[in-house]
Protein backbone atom coordinates (compact mmCIF):
# COMPACT_ATOMS: atom_id res chain seq x y z
CA MET A 1 -10.53 -26.90 -21.33
CA GLN A 2 -11.41 -27.28 -17.29
CA LEU A 3 -7.98 -25.89 -16.69
CA VAL A 4 -8.45 -22.88 -18.86
CA LYS A 5 -11.81 -22.32 -16.89
CA LYS A 6 -10.30 -22.73 -13.60
CA HIS A 7 -7.46 -19.98 -14.49
CA ILE A 8 -10.12 -17.72 -15.85
CA HIS A 9 -12.16 -18.07 -12.73
CA ILE A 10 -9.22 -17.58 -10.36
CA CYS A 11 -7.78 -14.81 -12.21
CA THR A 12 -11.05 -12.88 -12.52
CA THR A 13 -11.82 -13.50 -8.74
CA LEU A 14 -8.43 -12.20 -7.87
CA LEU A 15 -8.65 -9.26 -10.05
CA GLY A 16 -12.12 -8.38 -8.56
CA VAL A 17 -10.87 -8.69 -4.88
CA TRP A 18 -7.99 -6.42 -5.80
CA ILE A 19 -10.04 -3.71 -7.41
CA THR A 20 -12.47 -3.81 -4.44
CA TYR A 21 -9.63 -3.40 -1.89
CA TYR A 22 -7.87 -0.76 -4.31
CA LEU A 23 -11.08 1.34 -4.40
CA ILE A 24 -11.64 1.27 -0.63
CA GLY A 25 -7.88 1.97 0.07
CA VAL A 26 -6.68 -1.27 1.53
CA THR A 27 -3.26 -2.07 0.18
CA CYS A 28 -2.91 -5.18 2.32
CA PRO A 29 -6.19 -6.77 3.92
CA ILE A 30 -4.03 -8.82 6.60
CA LEU A 31 -2.07 -5.57 7.66
CA PHE A 32 -5.13 -3.54 7.57
CA PHE A 33 -7.13 -5.83 9.70
CA THR A 34 -4.61 -7.14 12.09
CA GLY A 35 -2.00 -4.63 12.18
CA GLN A 36 0.75 -7.36 11.49
CA ILE A 37 2.60 -8.07 8.21
CA CYS A 38 1.71 -11.26 6.66
CA PRO A 39 4.09 -14.27 5.49
CA THR A 40 4.11 -13.06 1.94
CA CYS A 41 4.37 -9.29 2.73
CA GLY A 42 6.56 -7.49 0.18
CA SER A 43 5.94 -9.95 -2.56
CA THR A 44 4.41 -7.72 -5.05
CA ARG A 45 7.05 -5.03 -4.55
CA ALA A 46 9.76 -7.60 -4.71
CA ILE A 47 8.32 -8.91 -8.05
CA LEU A 48 7.95 -5.37 -9.55
CA SER A 49 11.54 -4.91 -8.48
CA LEU A 50 12.81 -7.95 -10.23
CA LEU A 51 10.81 -7.01 -13.40
CA ARG A 52 12.74 -3.61 -13.33
CA GLY A 53 16.16 -5.64 -12.93
CA ASN A 54 16.70 -4.50 -9.31
CA PHE A 55 17.65 -7.80 -7.78
CA LYS A 56 18.74 -6.04 -4.46
CA MET A 57 15.46 -4.57 -3.89
CA TYR A 58 13.99 -7.81 -4.68
CA VAL A 59 15.84 -9.53 -2.14
CA SER A 60 15.26 -6.84 0.45
CA TYR A 61 11.43 -6.82 -0.01
CA GLN A 62 10.74 -10.43 -0.20
CA PRO A 63 13.19 -13.05 -1.34
CA MET A 64 10.65 -15.88 -1.55
CA ALA A 65 8.37 -14.04 -3.64
CA ILE A 66 9.34 -16.12 -6.89
CA PRO A 67 9.30 -19.38 -5.00
CA LEU A 68 6.00 -18.45 -3.79
CA VAL A 69 4.58 -17.67 -7.11
CA VAL A 70 5.80 -21.20 -8.29
CA ALA A 71 4.17 -22.78 -5.36
CA VAL A 72 0.95 -21.24 -6.04
CA ILE A 73 0.88 -22.38 -9.71
CA LEU A 74 1.78 -25.90 -8.71
CA CYS A 75 -0.87 -26.17 -6.16
CA ILE A 76 -3.33 -25.01 -8.84
CA HIS A 77 -2.15 -27.61 -11.23
CA LEU A 78 -1.86 -30.60 -8.54
CA GLN A 79 -5.03 -32.20 -9.47
CA PHE A 80 -4.02 -32.36 -13.05
CA MET A 81 -0.56 -34.06 -12.60
CA LYS A 82 0.50 -37.52 -12.98
CA LYS A 83 1.66 -39.43 -9.78
CA PRO A 84 5.43 -39.01 -9.82
CA LEU A 85 5.12 -35.26 -10.93
CA LYS A 86 2.40 -34.74 -8.53
CA GLU A 87 4.54 -35.99 -5.54
CA ILE A 88 7.61 -34.02 -6.37
CA SER A 89 5.48 -30.89 -6.83
CA ALA A 90 3.71 -31.39 -3.71
CA ALA A 91 7.36 -31.64 -2.01
CA ILE A 92 8.30 -28.40 -3.74
CA VAL A 93 5.28 -26.62 -2.45
CA GLY A 94 5.79 -27.94 1.06
CA ALA A 95 9.48 -26.87 1.04
CA THR A 96 8.55 -23.52 -0.23
CA LEU A 97 5.97 -22.91 2.36
CA PHE A 98 8.33 -24.16 5.21
CA LEU A 99 11.15 -21.65 4.06
CA ASN A 100 8.83 -18.99 3.68
CA THR A 101 7.68 -19.51 7.29
CA VAL A 102 11.27 -19.50 8.63
CA PHE A 103 11.98 -16.39 6.76
CA TYR A 104 8.72 -14.72 8.08
CA ILE A 105 9.81 -15.81 11.90
CA LEU A 106 13.25 -14.45 11.12
CA ARG A 107 11.83 -11.13 9.61
CA LEU A 108 9.55 -10.64 12.73
């Protein structure tokens, strides 16, 4: 039950932030405030392209989008995992963040 409440809280918070940004015309807060693309820039467009079946556009927008979503889900669930699975999941998250950082630096 604690996990369900956590999911509802996170989803509600993210939806509230997204609606607020949408209403004031901010598509990406990092780009808006700094003028620089963020390491996850293009993830939403990439996932939407993948859902439409356009793999080429997915790769062109942000090929790390799906691994990043998996990493976020694993991070949310890490505290509920048992020891061996927790260590493997943490390693996957770390590798995903490292690869995304490398991709971001190459993209600049």
